[in-house]
Amino acid sequence: MNSMKNLRRQRQKTNRRRILVVDGDRDMQRQLNSTLGSEGFDTIAAGDGAAARHLFQATHPDLVILDTAIPGQDSFQLLGDMRGQSDIPIIMLTEDYGEQALWRAFSLGADDYVRKPFGARSLVARVRAKLRRCQTKCM
């Protein structure tokens, strides 16, 4: 009986979608990890460009949430590099309300662009929509 419960738990864990959260603000990382975790996602957090690049290649996430201001790396360069390696959805987070940054993100392959502050429920809805559209074509 115990082994059946463990098997079910393992299956549930492997069916959970993995999201790489890249944000230099630890409080924002915690908030995103908590929100996404409570909605059934597994999250991996990176606080800078080098960690993000490593985790992206090592963990093969299903989606990336990438802040535009991360230490140690131009986030737009990182976006372009990630897009060159994978078609998974990438959602950019920003405090920049200018049109230039939005244009740059989309031209480099971002799938969405969310301005801070944002509602947790709306971000989760965006994540679910991106993953739903990507189920077969991004693998």
Protein backbone atom coordinates (compact mmCIF):
# COMPACT_ATOMS: atom_id res chain seq x y z
CA MET A 1 0.00 0.00 0.00
CA ASN A 2 2.80 2.41 0.89
CA SER A 3 4.61 1.70 -2.35
CA MET A 4 1.44 2.55 -4.33
CA LYS A 5 1.22 5.93 -2.59
CA ASN A 6 4.87 6.61 -3.38
CA LEU A 7 4.33 5.63 -7.02
CA ARG A 8 1.34 7.99 -7.27
CA ARG A 9 3.36 10.81 -5.73
CA GLN A 10 6.21 10.22 -8.19
CA ARG A 11 3.80 10.30 -11.12
CA GLN A 12 2.22 13.50 -9.85
CA LYS A 13 5.63 15.10 -9.48
CA THR A 14 6.74 14.13 -12.96
CA ASN A 15 3.50 15.49 -14.44
CA ARG A 16 4.09 18.87 -12.86
CA ARG A 17 5.37 21.48 -15.26
CA ARG A 18 8.78 22.98 -14.44
CA ILE A 19 9.23 26.75 -14.51
CA LEU A 20 12.57 28.55 -14.35
CA VAL A 21 12.16 31.85 -12.48
CA VAL A 22 14.97 34.33 -13.17
CA ASP A 23 14.87 37.43 -10.99
CA GLY A 24 17.60 39.18 -9.02
CA ASP A 25 15.11 40.26 -6.34
CA ARG A 26 14.94 37.46 -3.75
CA ASP A 27 11.56 38.64 -2.47
CA MET A 28 10.12 38.46 -5.97
CA GLN A 29 11.65 35.00 -6.43
CA ARG A 30 10.01 33.81 -3.21
CA GLN A 31 6.67 35.31 -4.20
CA LEU A 32 6.75 33.69 -7.65
CA ASN A 33 7.93 30.34 -6.25
CA SER A 34 5.17 30.35 -3.66
CA THR A 35 2.43 31.41 -6.08
CA LEU A 36 3.42 28.99 -8.82
CA GLY A 37 4.07 26.16 -6.35
CA SER A 38 0.61 26.55 -4.84
CA GLU A 39 -0.83 26.30 -8.36
CA GLY A 40 0.85 22.94 -9.00
CA PHE A 41 4.07 23.97 -10.75
CA ASP A 42 7.63 23.04 -9.84
CA THR A 43 9.90 26.08 -9.82
CA ILE A 44 13.62 26.52 -10.09
CA ALA A 45 15.02 29.93 -9.16
CA ALA A 46 18.04 31.78 -10.49
CA GLY A 47 19.19 35.15 -9.22
CA ASP A 48 21.63 36.07 -11.99
CA GLY A 49 22.45 35.40 -15.61
CA ALA A 50 25.10 32.74 -15.04
CA ALA A 51 22.83 30.66 -12.79
CA ALA A 52 19.94 31.11 -15.23
CA ARG A 53 22.01 29.93 -18.17
CA HIS A 54 23.24 26.87 -16.24
CA LEU A 55 19.79 25.91 -14.93
CA PHE A 56 18.18 26.43 -18.33
CA GLN A 57 20.58 23.93 -19.90
CA ALA A 58 20.64 21.50 -16.97
CA THR A 59 16.93 21.30 -16.11
CA HIS A 60 15.13 21.81 -19.45
CA PRO A 61 12.22 23.84 -18.01
CA ASP A 62 8.79 23.93 -19.63
CA LEU A 63 8.60 27.73 -19.32
CA VAL A 64 10.86 30.60 -18.26
CA ILE A 65 9.89 33.74 -16.37
CA LEU A 66 12.72 36.21 -16.96
CA ASP A 67 13.07 39.63 -15.33
CA THR A 68 14.55 42.34 -17.54
CA ALA A 69 16.92 43.50 -14.77
CA ILE A 70 19.14 40.64 -13.59
CA PRO A 71 22.68 40.91 -12.25
CA GLY A 72 25.63 39.76 -14.31
CA GLN A 73 23.91 39.46 -17.69
CA ASP A 74 21.94 41.49 -20.17
CA SER A 75 18.55 39.82 -19.85
CA PHE A 76 17.76 40.55 -23.50
CA GLN A 77 20.93 38.73 -24.55
CA LEU A 78 19.94 35.83 -22.30
CA LEU A 79 16.47 35.84 -23.85
CA GLY A 80 17.99 35.64 -27.34
CA ASP A 81 20.32 32.82 -26.29
CA MET A 82 17.48 30.83 -24.71
CA ARG A 83 15.29 31.36 -27.75
CA GLY A 84 18.12 30.11 -29.96
CA GLN A 85 18.17 26.84 -28.01
CA SER A 86 14.47 26.22 -27.40
CA ASP A 87 10.93 27.11 -28.39
CA ILE A 88 9.56 26.94 -24.84
CA PRO A 89 7.48 29.93 -23.70
CA ILE A 90 9.41 32.83 -22.17
CA ILE A 91 7.55 35.47 -20.19
CA MET A 92 9.45 38.70 -19.49
CA LEU A 93 8.84 40.64 -16.26
CA THR A 94 9.74 44.32 -16.12
CA GLU A 95 9.43 47.58 -14.27
CA ASP A 96 10.15 49.39 -17.55
CA TYR A 97 7.03 50.96 -19.02
CA GLY A 98 8.73 52.12 -22.22
CA GLU A 99 7.78 50.84 -25.64
CA GLN A 100 11.42 50.23 -26.66
CA ALA A 101 11.97 47.46 -24.09
CA LEU A 102 8.66 45.82 -25.00
CA TRP A 103 9.53 45.93 -28.71
CA ARG A 104 13.02 44.53 -28.02
CA ALA A 105 11.67 41.65 -25.93
CA PHE A 106 9.16 40.58 -28.55
CA SER A 107 11.65 40.95 -31.38
CA LEU A 108 14.07 38.63 -29.56
CA GLY A 109 11.42 35.97 -29.05
CA ALA A 110 9.56 36.69 -25.81
CA ASP A 111 6.08 35.18 -25.72
CA ASP A 112 4.68 37.66 -23.23
CA TYR A 113 5.70 40.85 -21.44
CA VAL A 114 4.32 41.57 -17.97
CA ARG A 115 4.83 44.87 -16.20
CA LYS A 116 5.35 45.03 -12.44
CA PRO A 117 3.40 45.23 -10.27
CA PHE A 118 1.15 42.47 -11.54
CA GLY A 119 -1.59 40.31 -10.10
CA ALA A 120 -0.56 36.79 -9.16
CA ARG A 121 -3.73 35.28 -10.62
CA SER A 122 -3.22 37.02 -13.96
CA LEU A 123 0.38 35.78 -14.16
CA VAL A 124 -0.72 32.21 -13.40
CA ALA A 125 -3.40 32.51 -16.10
CA ARG A 126 -0.75 33.66 -18.59
CA VAL A 127 1.55 30.77 -17.60
CA ARG A 128 -1.24 28.23 -18.05
CA ALA A 129 -2.23 29.70 -21.43
CA LYS A 130 1.35 29.61 -22.73
CA LEU A 131 1.84 26.03 -21.56
CA ARG A 132 -1.49 24.92 -23.01
CA ARG A 133 -0.57 26.30 -26.44
CA CYS A 134 2.88 24.77 -26.24
CA GLN A 135 2.00 21.23 -25.17
CA THR A 136 2.92 19.52 -28.41
CA LYS A 137 4.79 21.98 -30.58
CA CYS A 138 7.47 23.00 -28.07
CA MET A 139 8.76 19.58 -27.16
